[in-house]
PDB file of all heavy atoms in Angstrom:
ATOM      1  N   LEU A   1      -1.561  -4.030 -21.341  1.00  0.00           N
ATOM      2  CA  LEU A   1      -2.172  -4.806 -20.246  1.00  0.00           C
ATOM      3  C   LEU A   1      -3.475  -4.311 -19.739  1.00  0.00           C
ATOM      4  O   LEU A   1      -4.444  -4.933 -19.524  1.00  0.00           O
ATOM      5  CB  LEU A   1      -1.120  -5.010 -19.114  1.00  0.00           C
ATOM      6  CG  LEU A   1       0.044  -5.825 -19.436  1.00  0.00           C
ATOM      7  CD1 LEU A   1       1.085  -5.598 -18.327  1.00  0.00           C
ATOM      8  CD2 LEU A   1      -0.250  -7.380 -19.489  1.00  0.00           C
ATOM      9  N   ILE A   2      -3.433  -2.970 -19.462  1.00  0.00           N
ATOM     10  CA  ILE A   2      -4.649  -2.314 -18.991  1.00  0.00           C
ATOM     11  C   ILE A   2      -5.755  -2.489 -19.972  1.00  0.00           C
ATOM     12  O   ILE A   2      -6.928  -2.751 -19.515  1.00  0.00           O
ATOM     13  CB  ILE A   2      -4.402  -0.777 -18.780  1.00  0.00           C
ATOM     14  CG1 ILE A   2      -3.460  -0.605 -17.612  1.00  0.00           C
ATOM     15  CG2 ILE A   2      -5.670  -0.031 -18.621  1.00  0.00           C
ATOM     16  CD1 ILE A   2      -2.975   0.869 -17.422  1.00  0.00           C
ATOM     17  N   ASP A   3      -5.554  -2.331 -21.203  1.00  0.00           N
ATOM     18  CA  ASP A   3      -6.501  -2.589 -22.285  1.00  0.00           C
ATOM     19  C   ASP A   3      -7.091  -4.034 -22.222  1.00  0.00           C
ATOM     20  O   ASP A   3      -8.322  -4.255 -22.339  1.00  0.00           O
ATOM     21  CB  ASP A   3      -6.020  -2.300 -23.714  1.00  0.00           C
ATOM     22  CG  ASP A   3      -5.706  -0.786 -23.817  1.00  0.00           C
ATOM     23  OD1 ASP A   3      -6.168   0.083 -23.032  1.00  0.00           O
ATOM     24  OD2 ASP A   3      -4.928  -0.474 -24.776  1.00  0.00           O
ATOM     25  N   THR A   4      -6.125  -4.932 -22.093  1.00  0.00           N
ATOM     26  CA  THR A   4      -6.495  -6.359 -22.087  1.00  0.00           C
ATOM     27  C   THR A   4      -7.289  -6.707 -20.771  1.00  0.00           C
ATOM     28  O   THR A   4      -8.226  -7.496 -20.840  1.00  0.00           O
ATOM     29  CB  THR A   4      -5.251  -7.241 -22.077  1.00  0.00           C
ATOM     30  OG1 THR A   4      -4.578  -7.006 -23.271  1.00  0.00           O
ATOM     31  CG2 THR A   4      -5.614  -8.714 -22.102  1.00  0.00           C
ATOM     32  N   PHE A   5      -6.939  -6.089 -19.641  1.00  0.00           N
ATOM     33  CA  PHE A   5      -7.508  -6.404 -18.310  1.00  0.00           C
ATOM     34  C   PHE A   5      -8.941  -5.734 -18.319  1.00  0.00           C
ATOM     35  O   PHE A   5      -9.714  -6.036 -17.327  1.00  0.00           O
ATOM     36  CB  PHE A   5      -6.709  -5.795 -17.216  1.00  0.00           C
ATOM     37  CG  PHE A   5      -5.464  -6.568 -17.024  1.00  0.00           C
ATOM     38  CD1 PHE A   5      -4.505  -6.022 -16.101  1.00  0.00           C
ATOM     39  CD2 PHE A   5      -5.118  -7.683 -17.604  1.00  0.00           C
ATOM     40  CE1 PHE A   5      -3.246  -6.716 -15.969  1.00  0.00           C
ATOM     41  CE2 PHE A   5      -3.985  -8.407 -17.482  1.00  0.00           C
ATOM     42  CZ  PHE A   5      -3.014  -7.846 -16.639  1.00  0.00           C
ATOM     43  N   ALA A   6      -9.328  -4.988 -19.301  1.00  0.00           N
ATOM     44  CA  ALA A   6     -10.647  -4.388 -19.325  1.00  0.00           C
ATOM     45  C   ALA A   6     -11.708  -5.516 -19.334  1.00  0.00           C
ATOM     46  O   ALA A   6     -12.805  -5.423 -18.814  1.00  0.00           O
ATOM     47  CB  ALA A   6     -10.934  -3.457 -20.382  1.00  0.00           C
ATOM     48  N   SER A   7     -11.342  -6.668 -19.869  1.00  0.00           N
ATOM     49  CA  SER A   7     -12.193  -7.852 -19.957  1.00  0.00           C
ATOM     50  C   SER A   7     -11.974  -8.718 -18.764  1.00  0.00           C
ATOM     51  O   SER A   7     -12.632  -9.761 -18.673  1.00  0.00           O
ATOM     52  CB  SER A   7     -11.860  -8.684 -21.248  1.00  0.00           C
ATOM     53  OG  SER A   7     -12.058  -7.893 -22.454  1.00  0.00           O
ATOM     54  N   GLY A   8     -11.136  -8.280 -17.859  1.00  0.00           N
ATOM     55  CA  GLY A   8     -10.984  -9.022 -16.668  1.00  0.00           C
ATOM     56  C   GLY A   8      -9.648  -9.854 -16.541  1.00  0.00           C
ATOM     57  O   GLY A   8      -9.181 -10.271 -17.612  1.00  0.00           O
ATOM     58  N   ILE A   9      -9.061  -9.949 -15.274  1.00  0.00           N
ATOM     59  CA  ILE A   9      -7.941 -10.808 -15.151  1.00  0.00           C
ATOM     60  C   ILE A   9      -8.184 -11.381 -13.770  1.00  0.00           C
ATOM     61  O   ILE A   9      -8.442 -10.667 -12.770  1.00  0.00           O
ATOM     62  CB  ILE A   9      -6.568 -10.097 -15.148  1.00  0.00           C
ATOM     63  CG1 ILE A   9      -5.420 -10.953 -14.884  1.00  0.00           C
ATOM     64  CG2 ILE A   9      -6.574  -8.844 -14.308  1.00  0.00           C
ATOM     65  CD1 ILE A   9      -5.247 -12.095 -15.867  1.00  0.00           C
ATOM     66  N   ASP A  10      -7.950 -12.678 -13.637  1.00  0.00           N
ATOM     67  CA  ASP A  10      -8.229 -13.322 -12.344  1.00  0.00           C
ATOM     68  C   ASP A  10      -6.912 -13.917 -11.608  1.00  0.00           C
ATOM     69  O   ASP A  10      -6.732 -13.798 -10.441  1.00  0.00           O
ATOM     70  CB  ASP A  10      -9.189 -14.522 -12.554  1.00  0.00           C
ATOM     71  CG  ASP A  10     -10.515 -14.134 -13.005  1.00  0.00           C
ATOM     72  OD1 ASP A  10     -11.184 -13.409 -12.234  1.00  0.00           O
ATOM     73  OD2 ASP A  10     -10.860 -14.510 -14.135  1.00  0.00           O
ATOM     74  N   ILE A  11      -6.051 -14.454 -12.530  1.00  0.00           N
ATOM     75  CA  ILE A  11      -4.787 -15.006 -11.987  1.00  0.00           C
ATOM     76  C   ILE A  11      -3.575 -14.702 -12.857  1.00  0.00           C
ATOM     77  O   ILE A  11      -3.740 -14.685 -14.069  1.00  0.00           O
ATOM     78  CB  ILE A  11      -4.928 -16.607 -11.871  1.00  0.00           C
ATOM     79  CG1 ILE A  11      -6.046 -16.998 -10.933  1.00  0.00           C
ATOM     80  CG2 ILE A  11      -3.682 -17.277 -11.428  1.00  0.00           C
ATOM     81  CD1 ILE A  11      -6.541 -18.523 -11.061  1.00  0.00           C
ATOM     82  N   VAL A  12      -2.458 -14.339 -12.228  1.00  0.00           N
ATOM     83  CA  VAL A  12      -1.232 -14.177 -12.919  1.00  0.00           C
ATOM     84  C   VAL A  12      -0.299 -15.209 -12.354  1.00  0.00           C
ATOM     85  O   VAL A  12      -0.072 -15.246 -11.094  1.00  0.00           O
ATOM     86  CB  VAL A  12      -0.668 -12.768 -12.643  1.00  0.00           C
ATOM     87  CG1 VAL A  12       0.716 -12.605 -13.342  1.00  0.00           C
ATOM     88  CG2 VAL A  12      -1.641 -11.656 -13.260  1.00  0.00           C
ATOM     89  N   VAL A  13       0.389 -15.952 -13.192  1.00  0.00           N
ATOM     90  CA  VAL A  13       1.436 -16.902 -12.772  1.00  0.00           C
ATOM     91  C   VAL A  13       2.674 -16.284 -13.373  1.00  0.00           C
ATOM     92  O   VAL A  13       2.992 -16.265 -14.607  1.00  0.00           O
ATOM     93  CB  VAL A  13       1.185 -18.265 -13.334  1.00  0.00           C
ATOM     94  CG1 VAL A  13       2.341 -19.208 -12.920  1.00  0.00           C
ATOM     95  CG2 VAL A  13      -0.064 -18.847 -12.892  1.00  0.00           C
ATOM     96  N   ASP A  14       3.565 -15.855 -12.512  1.00  0.00           N
ATOM     97  CA  ASP A  14       4.822 -15.096 -12.879  1.00  0.00           C
ATOM     98  C   ASP A  14       6.094 -15.980 -12.791  1.00  0.00           C
ATOM     99  O   ASP A  14       6.378 -16.303 -11.649  1.00  0.00           O
ATOM    100  CB  ASP A  14       4.902 -13.881 -11.995  1.00  0.00           C
ATOM    101  CG  ASP A  14       6.238 -13.204 -12.216  1.00  0.00           C
ATOM    102  OD1 ASP A  14       6.569 -12.880 -13.323  1.00  0.00           O
ATOM    103  OD2 ASP A  14       6.917 -12.793 -11.210  1.00  0.00           O
ATOM    104  N   TYR A  15       6.730 -16.158 -13.880  1.00  0.00           N
ATOM    105  CA  TYR A  15       8.065 -16.850 -13.914  1.00  0.00           C
ATOM    106  C   TYR A  15       9.169 -15.897 -14.017  1.00  0.00           C
ATOM    107  O   TYR A  15      10.355 -16.308 -13.992  1.00  0.00           O
ATOM    108  CB  TYR A  15       8.058 -17.856 -15.067  1.00  0.00           C
ATOM    109  CG  TYR A  15       7.183 -19.018 -14.918  1.00  0.00           C
ATOM    110  CD1 TYR A  15       5.848 -19.032 -15.453  1.00  0.00           C
ATOM    111  CD2 TYR A  15       7.653 -20.160 -14.122  1.00  0.00           C
ATOM    112  CE1 TYR A  15       5.095 -20.095 -15.237  1.00  0.00           C
ATOM    113  CE2 TYR A  15       6.896 -21.195 -14.004  1.00  0.00           C
ATOM    114  CZ  TYR A  15       5.526 -21.283 -14.478  1.00  0.00           C
ATOM    115  OH  TYR A  15       4.805 -22.365 -14.391  1.00  0.00           O
ATOM    116  N   LEU A  16       8.975 -14.560 -14.052  1.00  0.00           N
ATOM    117  CA  LEU A  16      10.089 -13.612 -14.366  1.00  0.00           C
ATOM    118  C   LEU A  16      10.491 -12.784 -13.240  1.00  0.00           C
ATOM    119  O   LEU A  16      11.661 -12.494 -13.006  1.00  0.00           O
ATOM    120  CB  LEU A  16       9.746 -12.770 -15.581  1.00  0.00           C
ATOM    121  CG  LEU A  16       9.523 -13.678 -16.859  1.00  0.00           C
ATOM    122  CD1 LEU A  16       9.283 -12.666 -18.034  1.00  0.00           C
ATOM    123  CD2 LEU A  16      10.793 -14.401 -17.278  1.00  0.00           C
ATOM    124  N   TRP A  17       9.485 -12.093 -12.520  1.00  0.00           N
ATOM    125  CA  TRP A  17       9.650 -11.117 -11.508  1.00  0.00           C
ATOM    126  C   TRP A  17      10.191  -9.902 -12.203  1.00  0.00           C
ATOM    127  O   TRP A  17      10.221  -9.647 -13.385  1.00  0.00           O
ATOM    128  CB  TRP A  17      10.442 -11.539 -10.332  1.00  0.00           C
ATOM    129  CG  TRP A  17      10.268 -10.758  -9.181  1.00  0.00           C
ATOM    130  CD1 TRP A  17      11.197 -10.211  -8.264  1.00  0.00           C
ATOM    131  CD2 TRP A  17       8.986 -10.478  -8.458  1.00  0.00           C
ATOM    132  NE1 TRP A  17      10.740  -9.582  -7.204  1.00  0.00           N
ATOM    133  CE2 TRP A  17       9.346  -9.691  -7.243  1.00  0.00           C
ATOM    134  CE3 TRP A  17       7.703 -10.766  -8.776  1.00  0.00           C
ATOM    135  CZ2 TRP A  17       8.330  -9.253  -6.400  1.00  0.00           C
ATOM    136  CZ3 TRP A  17       6.709 -10.274  -7.876  1.00  0.00           C
ATOM    137  CH2 TRP A  17       7.050  -9.570  -6.760  1.00  0.00           C
ATOM    138  N   GLY A  18      10.800  -8.955 -11.493  1.00  0.00           N
ATOM    139  CA  GLY A  18      11.432  -7.748 -12.092  1.00  0.00           C
ATOM    140  C   GLY A  18      10.419  -6.796 -12.613  1.00  0.00           C
ATOM    141  O   GLY A  18       9.250  -6.718 -12.227  1.00  0.00           O
ATOM    142  N   GLN A  19      10.848  -6.118 -13.621  1.00  0.00           N
ATOM    143  CA  GLN A  19      10.085  -4.983 -14.250  1.00  0.00           C
ATOM    144  C   GLN A  19       8.789  -5.442 -14.876  1.00  0.00           C
ATOM    145  O   GLN A  19       7.779  -4.788 -14.828  1.00  0.00           O
ATOM    146  CB  GLN A  19      10.878  -4.168 -15.259  1.00  0.00           C
ATOM    147  CG  GLN A  19      10.106  -3.063 -15.910  1.00  0.00           C
ATOM    148  CD  GLN A  19       9.688  -2.012 -14.982  1.00  0.00           C
ATOM    149  OE1 GLN A  19      10.433  -1.541 -14.138  1.00  0.00           O
ATOM    150  NE2 GLN A  19       8.408  -1.675 -15.018  1.00  0.00           N
ATOM    151  N   SER A  20       8.879  -6.620 -15.533  1.00  0.00           N
ATOM    152  CA  SER A  20       7.570  -7.176 -16.150  1.00  0.00           C
ATOM    153  C   SER A  20       6.534  -7.457 -15.102  1.00  0.00           C
ATOM    154  O   SER A  20       5.374  -7.206 -15.315  1.00  0.00           O
ATOM    155  CB  SER A  20       7.853  -8.417 -16.959  1.00  0.00           C
ATOM    156  OG  SER A  20       8.356  -9.419 -16.190  1.00  0.00           O
ATOM    157  N   ALA A  21       6.885  -8.016 -14.020  1.00  0.00           N
ATOM    158  CA  ALA A  21       5.920  -8.298 -12.960  1.00  0.00           C
ATOM    159  C   ALA A  21       5.437  -6.974 -12.402  1.00  0.00           C
ATOM    160  O   ALA A  21       4.108  -6.913 -12.109  1.00  0.00           O
ATOM    161  CB  ALA A  21       6.611  -9.094 -11.791  1.00  0.00           C
ATOM    162  N   LEU A  22       6.227  -5.991 -12.168  1.00  0.00           N
ATOM    163  CA  LEU A  22       5.732  -4.679 -11.695  1.00  0.00           C
ATOM    164  C   LEU A  22       4.743  -4.071 -12.567  1.00  0.00           C
ATOM    165  O   LEU A  22       3.811  -3.438 -12.160  1.00  0.00           O
ATOM    166  CB  LEU A  22       6.965  -3.777 -11.381  1.00  0.00           C
ATOM    167  CG  LEU A  22       6.652  -2.374 -10.843  1.00  0.00           C
ATOM    168  CD1 LEU A  22       5.963  -2.551  -9.440  1.00  0.00           C
ATOM    169  CD2 LEU A  22       7.942  -1.566 -10.646  1.00  0.00           C
ATOM    170  N   SER A  23       5.058  -4.124 -13.953  1.00  0.00           N
ATOM    171  CA  SER A  23       4.160  -3.560 -14.916  1.00  0.00           C
ATOM    172  C   SER A  23       2.740  -4.307 -14.838  1.00  0.00           C
ATOM    173  O   SER A  23       1.736  -3.612 -14.975  1.00  0.00           O
ATOM    174  CB  SER A  23       4.797  -3.685 -16.307  1.00  0.00           C
ATOM    175  OG  SER A  23       5.892  -2.960 -16.469  1.00  0.00           O
ATOM    176  N   ILE A  24       2.886  -5.570 -14.647  1.00  0.00           N
ATOM    177  CA  ILE A  24       1.508  -6.288 -14.546  1.00  0.00           C
ATOM    178  C   ILE A  24       0.770  -5.864 -13.438  1.00  0.00           C
ATOM    179  O   ILE A  24      -0.472  -5.637 -13.473  1.00  0.00           O
ATOM    180  CB  ILE A  24       1.808  -7.787 -14.641  1.00  0.00           C
ATOM    181  CG1 ILE A  24       2.381  -8.238 -16.024  1.00  0.00           C
ATOM    182  CG2 ILE A  24       0.525  -8.621 -14.334  1.00  0.00           C
ATOM    183  CD1 ILE A  24       2.904  -9.660 -16.037  1.00  0.00           C
ATOM    184  N   MET A  25       1.495  -5.773 -12.226  1.00  0.00           N
ATOM    185  CA  MET A  25       0.777  -5.368 -10.985  1.00  0.00           C
ATOM    186  C   MET A  25       0.257  -4.039 -11.142  1.00  0.00           C
ATOM    187  O   MET A  25      -0.878  -3.666 -10.659  1.00  0.00           O
ATOM    188  CB  MET A  25       1.693  -5.594  -9.759  1.00  0.00           C
ATOM    189  CG  MET A  25       1.877  -7.017  -9.363  1.00  0.00           C
ATOM    190  SD  MET A  25       2.891  -7.198  -7.855  1.00  0.00           S
ATOM    191  CE  MET A  25       4.509  -7.281  -8.445  1.00  0.00           C
ATOM    192  N   THR A  26       0.978  -3.111 -11.746  1.00  0.00           N
ATOM    193  CA  THR A  26       0.526  -1.670 -11.922  1.00  0.00           C
ATOM    194  C   THR A  26      -0.718  -1.729 -12.756  1.00  0.00           C
ATOM    195  O   THR A  26      -1.694  -0.889 -12.482  1.00  0.00           O
ATOM    196  CB  THR A  26       1.697  -0.866 -12.578  1.00  0.00           C
ATOM    197  OG1 THR A  26       2.793  -0.936 -11.702  1.00  0.00           O
ATOM    198  CG2 THR A  26       1.189   0.567 -12.717  1.00  0.00           C
ATOM    199  N   ALA A  27      -0.694  -2.485 -13.821  1.00  0.00           N
ATOM    200  CA  ALA A  27      -1.930  -2.546 -14.702  1.00  0.00           C
ATOM    201  C   ALA A  27      -3.096  -3.092 -14.036  1.00  0.00           C
ATOM    202  O   ALA A  27      -4.215  -2.697 -14.256  1.00  0.00           O
ATOM    203  CB  ALA A  27      -1.546  -3.461 -15.939  1.00  0.00           C
ATOM    204  N   VAL A  28      -2.818  -4.100 -13.109  1.00  0.00           N
ATOM    205  CA  VAL A  28      -3.975  -4.586 -12.287  1.00  0.00           C
ATOM    206  C   VAL A  28      -4.546  -3.455 -11.385  1.00  0.00           C
ATOM    207  O   VAL A  28      -5.818  -3.196 -11.358  1.00  0.00           O
ATOM    208  CB  VAL A  28      -3.538  -5.838 -11.457  1.00  0.00           C
ATOM    209  CG1 VAL A  28      -4.685  -6.165 -10.497  1.00  0.00           C
ATOM    210  CG2 VAL A  28      -3.206  -7.007 -12.314  1.00  0.00           C
ATOM    211  N   VAL A  29      -3.675  -2.672 -10.762  1.00  0.00           N
ATOM    212  CA  VAL A  29      -4.105  -1.728  -9.842  1.00  0.00           C
ATOM    213  C   VAL A  29      -4.896  -0.527 -10.659  1.00  0.00           C
ATOM    214  O   VAL A  29      -6.009  -0.144 -10.234  1.00  0.00           O
ATOM    215  CB  VAL A  29      -2.896  -0.948  -9.339  1.00  0.00           C
ATOM    216  CG1 VAL A  29      -3.365   0.261  -8.458  1.00  0.00           C
ATOM    217  CG2 VAL A  29      -2.196  -1.990  -8.227  1.00  0.00           C
ATOM    218  N   LYS A  30      -4.420  -0.266 -11.854  1.00  0.00           N
ATOM    219  CA  LYS A  30      -5.005   0.811 -12.699  1.00  0.00           C
ATOM    220  C   LYS A  30      -6.249   0.324 -13.469  1.00  0.00           C
ATOM    221  O   LYS A  30      -7.218   1.176 -13.700  1.00  0.00           O
ATOM    222  CB  LYS A  30      -3.968   1.374 -13.623  1.00  0.00           C
ATOM    223  CG  LYS A  30      -2.860   2.142 -12.944  1.00  0.00           C
ATOM    224  CD  LYS A  30      -1.945   2.788 -13.958  1.00  0.00           C
ATOM    225  CE  LYS A  30      -0.838   3.594 -13.397  1.00  0.00           C
ATOM    226  NZ  LYS A  30       0.060   4.087 -14.421  1.00  0.00           N
TER     227      LYS A  30
END
């Protein structure tokens, strides 16, 4: 995710929550 977000990320639509959502938010922060 961090590697992918190097090109930018504007919107996340989350249908799962839980660990996958936390990983995505962590990758956004980092």
